[in-house]
């Protein structure tokens, strides 16, 4: 083998999703989702999955995705139990399909990085950035990741509110 060449391709590294705890949401859907999550948490660290009632938030439903977090043998998997229409418009049909089966590894790693940050913070996080999936770099996103629990004991789900918009740029 020639010097400088490898039999394994280099992994593509993409910038992580920019996250913060300020929760100064720009898009109204995220503010609405955060207020709903806080009401459902009712002073607890996080609400139960059973506390999230679709009939209470019909106008928010296109923006909400509920992910189950699965930890197995040191690996982390995020599995969409409910997929909002806005999320699927950008990432394709994901409902009930592990993200590892629908996203390129480098895109998946961005999402797993955000999930790891949520698990560590154990509080809502606001994210923003540019969509890098399938060359959709003209789309800007803002997301709210908030912890949920099936039993009240463990952070094992994510309440995600996402909104996407075309990035504005110089006009010709």
N, C-alpha and C. Protein backbone atom coordinates (compact mmCIF):
# COMPACT_ATOMS: atom_id res chain seq x y z
N UNK A 1 0.85 -1.17 0.00
CA UNK A 1 0.00 0.00 0.00
C UNK A 1 0.89 1.23 0.00
N UNK A 2 0.54 2.23 -0.76
CA UNK A 2 1.31 3.47 -0.87
C UNK A 2 1.22 4.27 0.40
N UNK A 3 2.27 5.04 0.67
CA UNK A 3 2.26 5.93 1.84
C UNK A 3 1.16 6.97 1.67
N UNK A 4 0.45 7.24 2.74
CA UNK A 4 -0.61 8.25 2.71
C UNK A 4 -1.97 7.70 2.35
N UNK A 5 -2.05 6.42 2.02
CA UNK A 5 -3.34 5.84 1.68
C UNK A 5 -3.72 4.80 2.73
N UNK A 6 -4.98 4.63 2.96
CA UNK A 6 -5.47 3.69 3.95
C UNK A 6 -6.55 2.85 3.31
N UNK A 7 -6.72 1.65 3.80
CA UNK A 7 -7.79 0.80 3.28
C UNK A 7 -9.15 1.20 3.83
N UNK A 8 -9.15 1.95 4.94
CA UNK A 8 -10.41 2.41 5.53
C UNK A 8 -10.63 3.87 5.19
N UNK A 9 -11.83 4.23 4.73
CA UNK A 9 -12.08 5.65 4.47
C UNK A 9 -12.14 6.41 5.80
N UNK A 10 -11.72 7.65 5.78
CA UNK A 10 -11.81 8.49 6.97
C UNK A 10 -13.26 8.82 7.26
N UNK A 11 -13.59 8.84 8.52
CA UNK A 11 -14.95 9.21 8.91
C UNK A 11 -15.16 10.69 8.63
N UNK A 12 -16.33 11.02 8.20
CA UNK A 12 -16.68 12.42 7.95
C UNK A 12 -17.08 13.03 9.28
N UNK A 13 -16.46 14.13 9.61
CA UNK A 13 -16.79 14.83 10.87
C UNK A 13 -17.55 16.09 10.53
N UNK A 14 -18.72 16.22 11.11
CA UNK A 14 -19.55 17.41 10.90
C UNK A 14 -19.61 18.20 12.20
N UNK A 15 -19.86 19.50 12.10
CA UNK A 15 -19.96 20.28 13.33
C UNK A 15 -21.14 19.78 14.17
N UNK A 16 -20.99 19.80 15.50
CA UNK A 16 -22.10 19.38 16.36
C UNK A 16 -23.25 20.39 16.27
N UNK A 17 -24.39 19.96 16.72
CA UNK A 17 -25.54 20.86 16.83
C UNK A 17 -25.23 21.82 17.98
N UNK A 18 -25.34 23.11 17.72
CA UNK A 18 -25.07 24.12 18.76
C UNK A 18 -26.20 24.09 19.77
N UNK A 19 -25.87 23.83 21.03
CA UNK A 19 -26.86 23.70 22.10
C UNK A 19 -26.62 24.74 23.18
N UNK A 20 -27.70 25.18 23.83
CA UNK A 20 -27.56 26.07 24.98
C UNK A 20 -28.69 25.83 25.96
N UNK A 21 -28.49 26.29 27.17
CA UNK A 21 -29.50 26.15 28.22
C UNK A 21 -30.26 27.44 28.45
N UNK A 22 -29.96 28.48 27.66
CA UNK A 22 -30.65 29.77 27.82
C UNK A 22 -32.13 29.68 27.47
N UNK A 23 -32.45 28.81 26.52
CA UNK A 23 -33.83 28.58 26.09
C UNK A 23 -34.51 29.85 25.59
N UNK A 24 -33.73 30.72 24.98
CA UNK A 24 -34.25 31.94 24.38
C UNK A 24 -34.67 31.61 22.95
N UNK A 25 -35.82 30.97 22.82
CA UNK A 25 -36.28 30.46 21.53
C UNK A 25 -36.70 31.60 20.61
N UNK A 26 -36.27 31.51 19.36
CA UNK A 26 -36.64 32.50 18.35
C UNK A 26 -37.99 32.16 17.72
N UNK A 27 -38.22 30.90 17.50
CA UNK A 27 -39.42 30.47 16.78
C UNK A 27 -40.54 30.17 17.77
N UNK A 28 -41.74 30.69 17.49
CA UNK A 28 -42.84 30.58 18.46
C UNK A 28 -43.24 29.15 18.80
N UNK A 29 -43.08 28.22 17.89
CA UNK A 29 -43.44 26.83 18.16
C UNK A 29 -42.59 26.26 19.30
N UNK A 30 -41.33 26.65 19.34
CA UNK A 30 -40.45 26.16 20.40
C UNK A 30 -40.83 26.75 21.75
N UNK A 31 -41.16 28.02 21.78
CA UNK A 31 -41.60 28.65 23.04
C UNK A 31 -42.87 28.00 23.55
N UNK A 32 -43.80 27.76 22.64
CA UNK A 32 -45.05 27.09 23.01
C UNK A 32 -44.78 25.68 23.54
N UNK A 33 -43.89 24.95 22.84
CA UNK A 33 -43.53 23.60 23.29
C UNK A 33 -42.85 23.60 24.64
N UNK A 34 -41.96 24.56 24.88
CA UNK A 34 -41.27 24.66 26.17
C UNK A 34 -42.27 24.95 27.28
N UNK A 35 -43.18 25.87 27.04
CA UNK A 35 -44.20 26.18 28.06
C UNK A 35 -45.07 24.97 28.35
N UNK A 36 -45.44 24.22 27.32
CA UNK A 36 -46.23 23.01 27.51
C UNK A 36 -45.44 21.98 28.34
N UNK A 37 -44.16 21.76 27.97
CA UNK A 37 -43.33 20.81 28.70
C UNK A 37 -43.22 21.21 30.17
N UNK A 38 -43.02 22.50 30.44
CA UNK A 38 -42.91 22.97 31.83
C UNK A 38 -44.21 22.73 32.60
N UNK A 39 -45.36 22.98 31.98
CA UNK A 39 -46.64 22.71 32.65
C UNK A 39 -46.77 21.24 32.99
N UNK A 40 -46.36 20.39 32.05
CA UNK A 40 -46.47 18.94 32.27
C UNK A 40 -45.46 18.44 33.29
N UNK A 41 -44.30 19.08 33.38
CA UNK A 41 -43.32 18.69 34.39
C UNK A 41 -43.83 19.03 35.78
N UNK A 42 -44.60 20.09 35.90
CA UNK A 42 -45.25 20.47 37.17
C UNK A 42 -44.29 20.42 38.36
N UNK A 43 -43.10 21.01 38.16
CA UNK A 43 -42.14 21.07 39.25
C UNK A 43 -41.22 19.87 39.36
N UNK A 44 -41.52 18.81 38.61
CA UNK A 44 -40.64 17.62 38.60
C UNK A 44 -39.49 17.85 37.64
N UNK A 45 -38.49 17.01 37.72
CA UNK A 45 -37.35 17.11 36.81
C UNK A 45 -37.79 16.97 35.35
N UNK A 46 -38.77 16.10 35.12
CA UNK A 46 -39.28 15.89 33.76
C UNK A 46 -40.68 15.28 33.85
N UNK A 47 -41.50 15.55 32.84
CA UNK A 47 -42.82 14.90 32.83
C UNK A 47 -42.72 13.45 32.40
N UNK A 48 -43.78 12.73 32.64
CA UNK A 48 -43.89 11.36 32.14
C UNK A 48 -44.33 11.40 30.68
N UNK A 49 -44.00 10.38 29.94
CA UNK A 49 -44.48 10.28 28.55
C UNK A 49 -46.00 10.32 28.54
N UNK A 50 -46.62 9.69 29.51
CA UNK A 50 -48.08 9.64 29.58
C UNK A 50 -48.70 11.02 29.84
N UNK A 51 -47.91 11.97 30.31
CA UNK A 51 -48.41 13.33 30.54
C UNK A 51 -48.60 14.11 29.25
N UNK A 52 -47.92 13.70 28.18
CA UNK A 52 -47.97 14.40 26.91
C UNK A 52 -49.20 13.92 26.15
N UNK A 53 -50.18 14.80 26.01
CA UNK A 53 -51.46 14.43 25.41
C UNK A 53 -51.66 15.18 24.10
N UNK A 54 -51.65 14.47 22.98
CA UNK A 54 -51.78 15.12 21.67
C UNK A 54 -53.00 16.03 21.55
N UNK A 55 -54.11 15.63 22.17
CA UNK A 55 -55.33 16.45 22.06
C UNK A 55 -55.18 17.81 22.72
N UNK A 56 -54.19 17.97 23.59
CA UNK A 56 -53.95 19.26 24.23
C UNK A 56 -53.11 20.20 23.38
N UNK A 57 -52.42 19.66 22.38
CA UNK A 57 -51.50 20.47 21.59
C UNK A 57 -51.66 20.26 20.08
N UNK A 58 -52.88 20.33 19.56
CA UNK A 58 -53.07 20.02 18.13
C UNK A 58 -52.25 20.91 17.19
N UNK A 59 -52.10 22.19 17.52
CA UNK A 59 -51.35 23.06 16.60
C UNK A 59 -49.83 22.83 16.71
N UNK A 60 -49.40 22.18 17.77
CA UNK A 60 -47.97 21.90 17.97
C UNK A 60 -47.55 20.56 17.36
N UNK A 61 -48.51 19.68 17.12
CA UNK A 61 -48.19 18.31 16.69
C UNK A 61 -47.29 18.22 15.46
N UNK A 62 -47.43 19.05 14.44
CA UNK A 62 -46.52 18.92 13.29
C UNK A 62 -45.05 19.16 13.64
N UNK A 63 -44.80 19.80 14.77
CA UNK A 63 -43.44 20.17 15.18
C UNK A 63 -42.85 19.24 16.23
N UNK A 64 -43.67 18.32 16.77
CA UNK A 64 -43.24 17.46 17.88
C UNK A 64 -42.84 16.07 17.39
N UNK A 65 -41.69 15.63 17.87
CA UNK A 65 -41.25 14.26 17.66
C UNK A 65 -40.89 13.70 19.04
N UNK A 66 -41.37 12.52 19.34
CA UNK A 66 -41.04 11.86 20.60
C UNK A 66 -40.09 10.70 20.30
N UNK A 67 -38.90 10.79 20.87
CA UNK A 67 -37.90 9.75 20.68
C UNK A 67 -37.76 8.92 21.94
N UNK A 68 -37.64 7.62 21.74
CA UNK A 68 -37.27 6.72 22.82
C UNK A 68 -35.75 6.59 22.78
N UNK A 69 -35.12 6.63 23.94
CA UNK A 69 -33.67 6.46 24.04
C UNK A 69 -33.41 5.02 24.46
N UNK A 70 -32.63 4.32 23.66
CA UNK A 70 -32.27 2.94 23.98
C UNK A 70 -30.77 2.86 24.19
N UNK A 71 -30.39 2.29 25.33
CA UNK A 71 -28.97 2.10 25.64
C UNK A 71 -28.73 0.60 25.72
N UNK A 72 -27.87 0.10 24.84
CA UNK A 72 -27.58 -1.33 24.82
C UNK A 72 -26.10 -1.55 24.57
N UNK A 73 -25.46 -2.27 25.44
CA UNK A 73 -24.05 -2.64 25.29
C UNK A 73 -23.16 -1.44 24.97
N UNK A 74 -23.41 -0.34 25.66
CA UNK A 74 -22.59 0.85 25.47
C UNK A 74 -22.97 1.68 24.26
N UNK A 75 -23.96 1.25 23.50
CA UNK A 75 -24.40 1.99 22.33
C UNK A 75 -25.69 2.73 22.65
N UNK A 76 -25.86 3.85 22.01
CA UNK A 76 -27.04 4.68 22.20
C UNK A 76 -27.82 4.68 20.89
N UNK A 77 -29.11 4.43 20.98
CA UNK A 77 -29.99 4.45 19.80
C UNK A 77 -31.17 5.36 20.11
N UNK A 78 -31.56 6.16 19.14
CA UNK A 78 -32.77 6.96 19.32
C UNK A 78 -33.80 6.50 18.29
N UNK A 79 -34.97 6.24 18.83
CA UNK A 79 -36.03 5.58 18.09
C UNK A 79 -37.27 6.47 18.11
N UNK A 80 -37.69 7.02 16.98
CA UNK A 80 -38.86 7.90 16.96
C UNK A 80 -40.17 7.15 17.14
N UNK A 81 -40.85 7.41 18.23
CA UNK A 81 -42.15 6.80 18.51
C UNK A 81 -43.27 7.60 17.86
N UNK A 82 -43.13 8.91 17.84
CA UNK A 82 -44.06 9.82 17.18
C UNK A 82 -43.19 10.76 16.36
N UNK A 83 -43.49 10.93 15.09
CA UNK A 83 -42.67 11.77 14.24
C UNK A 83 -43.50 12.92 13.69
N UNK A 84 -43.08 14.13 14.02
CA UNK A 84 -43.77 15.31 13.53
C UNK A 84 -43.57 15.49 12.03
N UNK A 85 -44.61 16.01 11.39
CA UNK A 85 -44.58 16.20 9.93
C UNK A 85 -43.42 17.09 9.50
N UNK A 86 -43.12 18.13 10.26
CA UNK A 86 -42.02 19.05 9.88
C UNK A 86 -40.67 18.32 9.90
N UNK A 87 -40.46 17.47 10.90
CA UNK A 87 -39.21 16.71 10.99
C UNK A 87 -39.10 15.76 9.80
N UNK A 88 -40.20 15.08 9.48
CA UNK A 88 -40.18 14.13 8.37
C UNK A 88 -40.07 14.82 7.01
N UNK A 89 -40.53 16.05 6.90
CA UNK A 89 -40.36 16.79 5.64
C UNK A 89 -38.87 16.97 5.33
N UNK A 90 -38.07 17.12 6.36
CA UNK A 90 -36.63 17.35 6.17
C UNK A 90 -35.86 16.03 6.14
N UNK A 91 -36.17 15.11 7.05
CA UNK A 91 -35.36 13.89 7.20
C UNK A 91 -35.99 12.64 6.59
N UNK A 92 -37.18 12.77 6.04
CA UNK A 92 -37.83 11.62 5.43
C UNK A 92 -38.61 10.82 6.46
N UNK A 93 -39.28 9.75 6.00
CA UNK A 93 -40.09 8.93 6.91
C UNK A 93 -39.21 8.24 7.95
N UNK A 94 -39.43 8.59 9.21
CA UNK A 94 -38.61 8.02 10.29
C UNK A 94 -39.43 7.32 11.34
N UNK A 95 -40.74 7.49 11.33
CA UNK A 95 -41.60 6.94 12.39
C UNK A 95 -41.35 5.45 12.57
N UNK A 96 -41.08 5.08 13.83
CA UNK A 96 -40.83 3.68 14.21
C UNK A 96 -39.66 3.03 13.48
N UNK A 97 -38.68 3.85 13.09
CA UNK A 97 -37.47 3.33 12.46
C UNK A 97 -36.27 3.93 13.21
N UNK A 98 -35.38 3.10 13.73
CA UNK A 98 -34.20 3.66 14.41
C UNK A 98 -33.49 4.66 13.49
N UNK A 99 -33.07 5.78 14.04
CA UNK A 99 -32.41 6.79 13.21
C UNK A 99 -31.17 6.23 12.54
N UNK A 100 -30.54 5.24 13.15
CA UNK A 100 -29.34 4.65 12.54
C UNK A 100 -29.65 3.98 11.21
N UNK A 101 -30.92 3.68 10.94
CA UNK A 101 -31.29 3.03 9.67
C UNK A 101 -31.71 4.03 8.61
N UNK A 102 -31.86 5.30 8.97
CA UNK A 102 -32.32 6.28 7.99
C UNK A 102 -31.38 7.47 7.78
N UNK A 103 -30.46 7.68 8.69
CA UNK A 103 -29.53 8.80 8.57
C UNK A 103 -28.12 8.31 8.28
N UNK A 104 -27.38 9.08 7.53
CA UNK A 104 -25.96 8.79 7.30
C UNK A 104 -25.24 8.83 8.64
N UNK A 105 -24.20 8.05 8.82
CA UNK A 105 -23.51 7.98 10.11
C UNK A 105 -23.08 9.34 10.66
N UNK A 106 -22.60 10.23 9.82
CA UNK A 106 -22.15 11.53 10.31
C UNK A 106 -23.32 12.42 10.76
N UNK A 107 -24.47 12.26 10.13
CA UNK A 107 -25.67 13.01 10.55
C UNK A 107 -26.19 12.41 11.85
N UNK A 108 -26.22 11.09 11.92
CA UNK A 108 -26.64 10.41 13.14
C UNK A 108 -25.77 10.83 14.32
N UNK A 109 -24.47 10.94 14.11
CA UNK A 109 -23.57 11.33 15.21
C UNK A 109 -23.88 12.73 15.72
N UNK A 110 -24.29 13.63 14.85
CA UNK A 110 -24.70 14.97 15.31
C UNK A 110 -25.88 14.85 16.27
N UNK A 111 -26.87 14.02 15.90
CA UNK A 111 -28.04 13.86 16.74
C UNK A 111 -27.70 13.14 18.05
N UNK A 112 -26.86 12.12 17.96
CA UNK A 112 -26.46 11.41 19.18
C UNK A 112 -25.69 12.33 20.12
N UNK A 113 -24.89 13.23 19.57
CA UNK A 113 -24.19 14.21 20.40
C UNK A 113 -25.16 15.09 21.16
N UNK A 114 -26.23 15.51 20.50
CA UNK A 114 -27.25 16.33 21.16
C UNK A 114 -27.97 15.52 22.24
N UNK A 115 -28.24 14.25 21.97
CA UNK A 115 -28.91 13.39 22.96
C UNK A 115 -28.00 13.18 24.17
N UNK A 116 -26.73 12.94 23.93
CA UNK A 116 -25.79 12.79 25.05
C UNK A 116 -25.76 14.05 25.92
N UNK A 117 -25.77 15.21 25.27
CA UNK A 117 -25.78 16.48 26.01
C UNK A 117 -27.05 16.61 26.84
N UNK A 118 -28.19 16.19 26.30
CA UNK A 118 -29.45 16.23 27.04
C UNK A 118 -29.39 15.28 28.24
N UNK A 119 -28.88 14.09 28.03
CA UNK A 119 -28.77 13.11 29.13
C UNK A 119 -27.89 13.67 30.24
N UNK A 120 -26.81 14.32 29.87
CA UNK A 120 -25.91 14.90 30.87
C UNK A 120 -26.55 16.10 31.57
N UNK A 121 -27.20 16.97 30.82
CA UNK A 121 -27.79 18.19 31.40
C UNK A 121 -29.05 17.90 32.20
N UNK A 122 -29.83 16.91 31.76
CA UNK A 122 -31.10 16.55 32.41
C UNK A 122 -32.03 17.76 32.55
N UNK A 123 -32.00 18.62 31.55
CA UNK A 123 -32.89 19.78 31.48
C UNK A 123 -33.06 20.14 30.02
N UNK A 124 -34.09 20.91 29.68
CA UNK A 124 -34.29 21.27 28.28
C UNK A 124 -33.09 22.03 27.70
N UNK A 125 -32.84 21.75 26.43
CA UNK A 125 -31.78 22.41 25.69
C UNK A 125 -32.36 22.97 24.38
N UNK A 126 -31.87 24.12 24.00
CA UNK A 126 -32.23 24.71 22.71
C UNK A 126 -31.07 24.46 21.76
N UNK A 127 -31.39 24.03 20.56
CA UNK A 127 -30.37 23.80 19.56
C UNK A 127 -30.66 24.61 18.32
N UNK A 128 -29.60 24.88 17.59
CA UNK A 128 -29.77 25.58 16.32
C UNK A 128 -28.63 25.24 15.40
N UNK A 129 -28.87 25.43 14.13
CA UNK A 129 -27.82 25.16 13.17
C UNK A 129 -28.38 25.04 11.78
N UNK A 130 -27.62 24.35 10.99
CA UNK A 130 -27.92 24.19 9.58
C UNK A 130 -28.12 22.70 9.32
N UNK A 131 -29.14 22.37 8.56
CA UNK A 131 -29.38 20.99 8.18
C UNK A 131 -28.28 20.56 7.23
N UNK A 132 -27.67 19.44 7.50
CA UNK A 132 -26.60 18.92 6.65
C UNK A 132 -27.00 17.61 5.99
N UNK A 133 -28.21 17.17 6.22
CA UNK A 133 -28.74 15.92 5.67
C UNK A 133 -29.09 16.12 4.19
N UNK A 134 -28.61 15.21 3.34
CA UNK A 134 -28.95 15.20 1.91
C UNK A 134 -28.78 16.57 1.25
N UNK A 135 -27.70 17.25 1.57
CA UNK A 135 -27.38 18.56 0.94
C UNK A 135 -28.48 19.61 1.13
N UNK A 136 -29.19 19.54 2.22
CA UNK A 136 -30.23 20.53 2.50
C UNK A 136 -29.65 21.67 3.34
N UNK A 137 -28.46 22.09 2.97
CA UNK A 137 -27.76 23.11 3.75
C UNK A 137 -28.41 24.48 3.67
N UNK A 138 -29.38 24.65 2.82
CA UNK A 138 -30.11 25.90 2.72
C UNK A 138 -31.19 26.02 3.79
N UNK A 139 -31.33 25.00 4.61
CA UNK A 139 -32.35 24.98 5.67
C UNK A 139 -31.69 25.21 7.02
N UNK A 140 -32.21 26.15 7.76
CA UNK A 140 -31.76 26.44 9.13
C UNK A 140 -32.77 25.79 10.07
N UNK A 141 -32.29 25.31 11.22
CA UNK A 141 -33.22 24.71 12.18
C UNK A 141 -33.04 25.33 13.56
N UNK A 142 -34.11 25.25 14.32
CA UNK A 142 -34.07 25.53 15.75
C UNK A 142 -34.86 24.40 16.39
N UNK A 143 -34.30 23.82 17.46
CA UNK A 143 -34.95 22.69 18.12
C UNK A 143 -34.96 22.90 19.63
N UNK A 144 -35.92 22.26 20.26
CA UNK A 144 -35.98 22.16 21.71
C UNK A 144 -35.94 20.68 22.02
N UNK A 145 -34.95 20.27 22.80
CA UNK A 145 -34.86 18.89 23.29
C UNK A 145 -35.17 18.95 24.77
N UNK A 146 -36.16 18.20 25.21
CA UNK A 146 -36.53 18.20 26.62
C UNK A 146 -36.69 16.76 27.10
N UNK A 147 -36.26 16.49 28.33
CA UNK A 147 -36.30 15.12 28.84
C UNK A 147 -37.72 14.65 29.17
N UNK A 148 -37.95 13.38 28.92
CA UNK A 148 -39.20 12.70 29.28
C UNK A 148 -38.82 11.36 29.91
N UNK A 149 -39.78 10.80 30.63
CA UNK A 149 -39.56 9.50 31.24
C UNK A 149 -40.81 8.64 31.11
N UNK A 150 -40.60 7.36 30.85
CA UNK A 150 -41.74 6.44 30.80
C UNK A 150 -42.26 6.14 32.20
N UNK A 151 -41.34 6.09 33.20
CA UNK A 151 -41.72 5.66 34.55
C UNK A 151 -41.52 6.74 35.62
N UNK A 152 -40.81 7.82 35.28
CA UNK A 152 -40.49 8.84 36.27
C UNK A 152 -39.15 8.62 36.93
N UNK A 153 -38.49 7.53 36.61
CA UNK A 153 -37.22 7.21 37.24
C UNK A 153 -36.02 7.52 36.35
N UNK A 154 -36.16 7.38 35.06
CA UNK A 154 -35.01 7.50 34.16
C UNK A 154 -35.36 8.39 32.98
N UNK A 155 -34.38 9.15 32.51
CA UNK A 155 -34.55 9.93 31.27
C UNK A 155 -34.41 8.93 30.13
N UNK A 156 -35.53 8.50 29.58
CA UNK A 156 -35.48 7.49 28.53
C UNK A 156 -36.27 7.87 27.29
N UNK A 157 -36.72 9.14 27.25
CA UNK A 157 -37.41 9.65 26.08
C UNK A 157 -37.05 11.13 25.89
N UNK A 158 -37.32 11.61 24.69
CA UNK A 158 -37.06 13.02 24.36
C UNK A 158 -38.32 13.63 23.77
N UNK A 159 -38.67 14.79 24.29
CA UNK A 159 -39.72 15.63 23.72
C UNK A 159 -38.98 16.64 22.84
N UNK A 160 -39.08 16.47 21.53
CA UNK A 160 -38.38 17.34 20.59
C UNK A 160 -39.38 18.20 19.85
N UNK A 161 -39.14 19.50 19.86
CA UNK A 161 -39.92 20.42 19.04
C UNK A 161 -38.93 20.99 18.03
N UNK A 162 -39.27 20.90 16.75
CA UNK A 162 -38.34 21.38 15.72
C UNK A 162 -39.08 22.27 14.74
N UNK A 163 -38.36 23.28 14.29
CA UNK A 163 -38.87 24.16 13.24
C UNK A 163 -37.72 24.41 12.27
N UNK A 164 -38.06 24.48 11.02
CA UNK A 164 -37.08 24.64 9.95
C UNK A 164 -37.49 25.83 9.10
N UNK A 165 -36.48 26.53 8.57
CA UNK A 165 -36.76 27.64 7.67
C UNK A 165 -35.62 27.77 6.68
N UNK A 166 -35.93 28.37 5.56
CA UNK A 166 -34.89 28.65 4.59
C UNK A 166 -33.97 29.71 5.16
N UNK A 167 -32.67 29.48 5.01
CA UNK A 167 -31.72 30.48 5.49
C UNK A 167 -31.84 31.72 4.60
N UNK A 168 -31.78 32.87 5.21
CA UNK A 168 -31.80 34.09 4.41
C UNK A 168 -30.37 34.45 4.06
N UNK A 169 -30.20 34.98 2.91
CA UNK A 169 -28.87 35.37 2.45
C UNK A 169 -28.97 36.61 1.59
N UNK A 170 -27.86 37.03 1.03
CA UNK A 170 -27.88 38.22 0.19
C UNK A 170 -28.75 38.00 -1.03
N UNK A 171 -29.48 38.99 -1.39
CA UNK A 171 -30.36 38.89 -2.56
C UNK A 171 -29.63 39.41 -3.78
N UNK A 172 -29.88 38.75 -4.90
CA UNK A 172 -29.21 39.14 -6.14
C UNK A 172 -29.91 40.31 -6.79
